[in-house]
């Protein structure tokens, strides 16, 4: 019974490890239309994401706000 439990635990750990490795090396994450997924090392991905957010904020700031009916 002890060896069977040990083998069962080993199988479960192996399946979990395989699942995690599949997530890490799997397909690229889904993105919004017009936004590319960061590619490369984690530092590069972070910098790319920061640049995308910065561009998005700058574009939002450039857009004209609708005028309020009170004016």
C-alpha atoms as a PDB file:
ATOM      1  CA  UNK A   1       0.000   0.000   0.000  1.00  0.00           C
ATOM      2  CA  UNK A   2       2.869   2.409   0.763  1.00  0.00           C
ATOM      3  CA  UNK A   3       4.535   1.953  -2.631  1.00  0.00           C
ATOM      4  CA  UNK A   4       1.208   2.335  -4.447  1.00  0.00           C
ATOM      5  CA  UNK A   5       0.564   5.640  -2.658  1.00  0.00           C
ATOM      6  CA  UNK A   6       4.064   6.827  -3.478  1.00  0.00           C
ATOM      7  CA  UNK A   7       3.600   5.979  -7.164  1.00  0.00           C
ATOM      8  CA  UNK A   8       0.227   7.708  -7.220  1.00  0.00           C
ATOM      9  CA  UNK A   9       1.755  10.839  -5.675  1.00  0.00           C
ATOM     10  CA  UNK A  10       4.584  10.720  -8.227  1.00  0.00           C
ATOM     11  CA  UNK A  11       2.085  10.519 -11.105  1.00  0.00           C
ATOM     12  CA  UNK A  12       0.110  13.485  -9.757  1.00  0.00           C
ATOM     13  CA  UNK A  13       3.256  15.593  -9.326  1.00  0.00           C
ATOM     14  CA  UNK A  14       4.429  14.634 -12.820  1.00  0.00           C
ATOM     15  CA  UNK A  15       1.109  15.638 -14.376  1.00  0.00           C
ATOM     16  CA  UNK A  16       1.106  18.967 -12.544  1.00  0.00           C
ATOM     17  CA  UNK A  17       4.682  19.674 -13.617  1.00  0.00           C
ATOM     18  CA  UNK A  18       3.841  18.842 -17.233  1.00  0.00           C
ATOM     19  CA  UNK A  19       0.800  21.119 -17.091  1.00  0.00           C
ATOM     20  CA  UNK A  20       2.864  24.015 -15.692  1.00  0.00           C
ATOM     21  CA  UNK A  21       5.610  23.574 -18.291  1.00  0.00           C
ATOM     22  CA  UNK A  22       2.968  23.522 -21.003  1.00  0.00           C
ATOM     23  CA  UNK A  23       1.634  26.847 -19.762  1.00  0.00           C
ATOM     24  CA  UNK A  24       5.095  28.419 -19.717  1.00  0.00           C
ATOM     25  CA  UNK A  25       6.143  27.233 -23.166  1.00  0.00           C
ATOM     26  CA  UNK A  26       2.665  27.191 -24.728  1.00  0.00           C
ATOM     27  CA  UNK A  27       1.116  29.565 -27.174  1.00  0.00           C
ATOM     28  CA  UNK A  28       1.267  33.325 -26.893  1.00  0.00           C
ATOM     29  CA  UNK A  29      -1.357  34.951 -24.685  1.00  0.00           C
ATOM     30  CA  UNK A  30      -4.479  36.338 -26.299  1.00  0.00           C
ATOM     31  CA  UNK A  31      -4.327  40.046 -27.014  1.00  0.00           C
ATOM     32  CA  UNK A  32      -6.712  42.830 -27.866  1.00  0.00           C
ATOM     33  CA  UNK A  33      -7.075  43.804 -31.492  1.00  0.00           C
ATOM     34  CA  UNK A  34      -4.128  45.900 -32.602  1.00  0.00           C
ATOM     35  CA  UNK A  35      -2.000  45.071 -29.553  1.00  0.00           C
ATOM     36  CA  UNK A  36       0.853  42.634 -29.975  1.00  0.00           C
ATOM     37  CA  UNK A  37       1.879  40.217 -27.245  1.00  0.00           C
ATOM     38  CA  UNK A  38       5.260  40.951 -25.675  1.00  0.00           C
ATOM     39  CA  UNK A  39       8.008  38.717 -27.049  1.00  0.00           C
ATOM     40  CA  UNK A  40      11.413  37.949 -25.549  1.00  0.00           C
ATOM     41  CA  UNK A  41      12.907  37.866 -22.099  1.00  0.00           C
ATOM     42  CA  UNK A  42      10.884  38.994 -19.049  1.00  0.00           C
ATOM     43  CA  UNK A  43      12.721  42.338 -18.880  1.00  0.00           C
ATOM     44  CA  UNK A  44      11.994  42.999 -22.549  1.00  0.00           C
ATOM     45  CA  UNK A  45       8.369  41.930 -22.078  1.00  0.00           C
ATOM     46  CA  UNK A  46       8.018  44.321 -19.161  1.00  0.00           C
ATOM     47  CA  UNK A  47       9.493  47.195 -21.142  1.00  0.00           C
ATOM     48  CA  UNK A  48       7.263  46.437 -24.135  1.00  0.00           C
ATOM     49  CA  UNK A  49       4.187  46.351 -21.931  1.00  0.00           C
ATOM     50  CA  UNK A  50       5.169  49.637 -20.272  1.00  0.00           C
ATOM     51  CA  UNK A  51       5.620  51.244 -23.698  1.00  0.00           C
ATOM     52  CA  UNK A  52       2.239  49.953 -24.887  1.00  0.00           C
ATOM     53  CA  UNK A  53       0.511  51.340 -21.807  1.00  0.00           C
ATOM     54  CA  UNK A  54       2.327  54.665 -22.203  1.00  0.00           C
ATOM     55  CA  UNK A  55       1.255  54.933 -25.857  1.00  0.00           C
ATOM     56  CA  UNK A  56      -2.330  54.046 -24.969  1.00  0.00           C
ATOM     57  CA  UNK A  57      -2.453  56.704 -22.248  1.00  0.00           C
ATOM     58  CA  UNK A  58      -0.918  59.310 -24.562  1.00  0.00           C
ATOM     59  CA  UNK A  59      -3.454  58.487 -27.287  1.00  0.00           C
ATOM     60  CA  UNK A  60      -6.305  58.730 -24.786  1.00  0.00           C
ATOM     61  CA  UNK A  61      -5.029  62.106 -23.591  1.00  0.00           C
ATOM     62  CA  UNK A  62      -4.914  63.410 -27.189  1.00  0.00           C
ATOM     63  CA  UNK A  63      -8.543  62.543 -27.885  1.00  0.00           C
ATOM     64  CA  UNK A  64     -11.057  65.340 -27.564  1.00  0.00           C
ATOM     65  CA  UNK A  65     -13.532  65.021 -24.754  1.00  0.00           C
ATOM     66  CA  UNK A  66     -17.189  65.380 -25.641  1.00  0.00           C
ATOM     67  CA  UNK A  67     -18.569  68.727 -24.607  1.00  0.00           C
ATOM     68  CA  UNK A  68     -21.015  68.724 -21.761  1.00  0.00           C
ATOM     69  CA  UNK A  69     -24.561  69.937 -22.422  1.00  0.00           C
ATOM     70  CA  UNK A  70     -24.161  72.627 -19.733  1.00  0.00           C
ATOM     71  CA  UNK A  71     -21.734  74.646 -21.843  1.00  0.00           C
END
